[in-house]
Amino acid sequence: MLNMNDLAKLAEVYEGIPIWDTFPGSPSHVAGVRQGDILVEANGHAIRTLDDYFEHVSNSDSSVRLKVIRDHEPMEFVMHWGNAPSITPEQAQEMVSGVLPSLVAGTKKREDN
């Protein structure tokens, strides 16, 4: 498994966001997204930052088409909301902030360039 620095570098190369972890039973985990993937698209829209992700995923009804890079190969998944646990945006942000502090810094860097 890649360490956080290597995963962050790959995310820069593929212009996506790294998946540091998935929660068992979550919609993304059930769909097939795994730790170490690089998320590059949601519903056909490029995902470069967490803001991109939240914008395109929050506008989706019952499912989201995700494209990731895994082991340098593109893969596509469909994430369904049907059995997703109900969480508030604040809870989601808390979960994200605990595992992605370096991603937030990397996102700022990309926006400045």
Protein backbone atom coordinates (compact mmCIF):
# COMPACT_ATOMS: atom_id res chain seq x y z
CA MET A 1 0.00 0.00 0.00
CA LEU A 2 1.21 3.49 -0.79
CA ASN A 3 2.08 5.83 2.03
CA MET A 4 0.30 9.18 2.30
CA ASN A 5 3.09 11.13 0.55
CA ASP A 6 3.17 8.76 -2.42
CA LEU A 7 -0.61 8.80 -2.70
CA ALA A 8 -0.67 12.61 -2.59
CA LYS A 9 1.96 12.72 -5.38
CA LEU A 10 -0.11 10.35 -7.53
CA ALA A 11 -3.15 12.53 -6.95
CA GLU A 12 -1.17 15.48 -8.32
CA VAL A 13 -0.11 13.48 -11.39
CA TYR A 14 -3.67 12.32 -12.14
CA GLU A 15 -5.22 15.65 -11.07
CA GLY A 16 -7.66 14.03 -8.67
CA ILE A 17 -8.16 13.54 -4.98
CA PRO A 18 -6.67 10.62 -3.07
CA ILE A 19 -8.88 8.18 -1.22
CA TRP A 20 -7.12 7.75 2.11
CA ASP A 21 -9.72 5.32 3.41
CA THR A 22 -13.29 4.13 2.94
CA PHE A 23 -15.70 3.21 5.68
CA PRO A 24 -16.97 -0.40 5.47
CA GLY A 25 -20.63 -0.36 4.48
CA SER A 26 -20.47 3.20 3.13
CA PRO A 27 -21.86 3.79 -0.38
CA SER A 28 -18.36 4.30 -1.83
CA HIS A 29 -17.02 1.13 -0.21
CA VAL A 30 -20.00 -0.92 -1.35
CA ALA A 31 -19.51 0.45 -4.89
CA GLY A 32 -15.89 -0.77 -4.93
CA VAL A 33 -13.84 2.36 -4.17
CA ARG A 34 -10.81 1.46 -2.06
CA GLN A 35 -8.03 3.06 -0.07
CA GLY A 36 -5.30 4.18 -2.47
CA ASP A 37 -7.64 5.04 -5.35
CA ILE A 38 -7.44 8.48 -6.96
CA LEU A 39 -10.89 9.96 -7.63
CA VAL A 40 -10.84 11.84 -10.95
CA GLU A 41 -14.52 12.11 -12.03
CA ALA A 42 -18.04 12.13 -10.62
CA ASN A 43 -20.93 11.93 -13.10
CA GLY A 44 -18.56 12.90 -15.90
CA HIS A 45 -17.26 16.03 -14.13
CA ALA A 46 -13.57 16.40 -13.28
CA ILE A 47 -12.85 16.17 -9.56
CA ARG A 48 -9.76 18.17 -8.62
CA THR A 49 -10.70 19.31 -5.09
CA LEU A 50 -13.01 18.33 -2.26
CA ASP A 51 -15.24 21.25 -3.26
CA ASP A 52 -15.62 19.70 -6.75
CA TYR A 53 -16.53 16.38 -5.18
CA PHE A 54 -19.15 17.81 -2.82
CA GLU A 55 -20.63 19.99 -5.57
CA HIS A 56 -21.15 17.15 -8.03
CA VAL A 57 -22.09 14.46 -5.52
CA SER A 58 -24.54 16.61 -3.56
CA ASN A 59 -26.43 17.40 -6.78
CA SER A 60 -26.99 13.69 -7.48
CA ASP A 61 -30.29 11.98 -6.81
CA SER A 62 -29.88 8.27 -6.06
CA SER A 63 -26.53 7.34 -7.61
CA VAL A 64 -23.20 8.75 -8.74
CA ARG A 65 -20.87 7.43 -11.44
CA LEU A 66 -17.31 7.59 -10.13
CA LYS A 67 -14.09 7.21 -12.08
CA VAL A 68 -10.95 6.38 -10.15
CA ILE A 69 -7.38 5.50 -10.97
CA ARG A 70 -6.18 2.32 -9.24
CA ASP A 71 -2.68 0.98 -9.90
CA HIS A 72 -2.39 3.43 -12.83
CA GLU A 73 -5.53 2.00 -14.48
CA PRO A 74 -8.91 3.77 -14.80
CA MET A 75 -11.88 2.06 -13.16
CA GLU A 76 -15.53 3.08 -12.97
CA PHE A 77 -18.07 2.46 -10.24
CA VAL A 78 -21.65 3.43 -9.51
CA MET A 79 -22.26 4.58 -5.96
CA HIS A 80 -25.88 4.25 -4.78
CA TRP A 81 -27.37 6.32 -1.99
CA GLY A 82 -30.22 3.91 -1.19
CA ASN A 83 -28.73 2.37 1.95
CA ALA A 84 -26.50 5.23 2.95
CA PRO A 85 -26.59 6.21 6.61
CA SER A 86 -28.00 9.66 7.19
CA ILE A 87 -25.30 12.10 8.31
CA THR A 88 -25.18 15.86 8.49
CA PRO A 89 -22.72 17.95 6.46
CA GLU A 90 -20.95 18.75 9.73
CA GLN A 91 -20.48 15.04 10.47
CA ALA A 92 -19.16 14.46 6.96
CA GLN A 93 -16.69 17.34 7.32
CA GLU A 94 -15.54 15.97 10.68
CA MET A 95 -14.91 12.54 9.13
CA VAL A 96 -13.00 14.10 6.22
CA SER A 97 -10.92 16.49 8.34
CA GLY A 98 -9.65 13.64 10.49
CA VAL A 99 -8.08 11.74 7.60
CA LEU A 100 -7.30 14.35 4.96
CA PRO A 101 -5.29 17.21 6.50
CA SER A 102 -2.56 17.03 3.86
CA LEU A 103 -5.14 16.87 1.05
CA VAL A 104 -6.58 20.19 2.17
CA ALA A 105 -3.10 21.72 2.02
CA GLY A 106 -2.53 20.16 -1.43
CA THR A 107 -5.88 21.48 -2.64
CA LYS A 108 -4.93 25.01 -1.64
CA LYS A 109 -1.62 24.67 -3.49
CA ARG A 110 -3.35 23.55 -6.70
CA GLU A 111 -5.81 26.44 -6.56
CA ASP A 112 -2.98 28.95 -6.24
CA ASN A 113 -1.21 27.68 -9.38
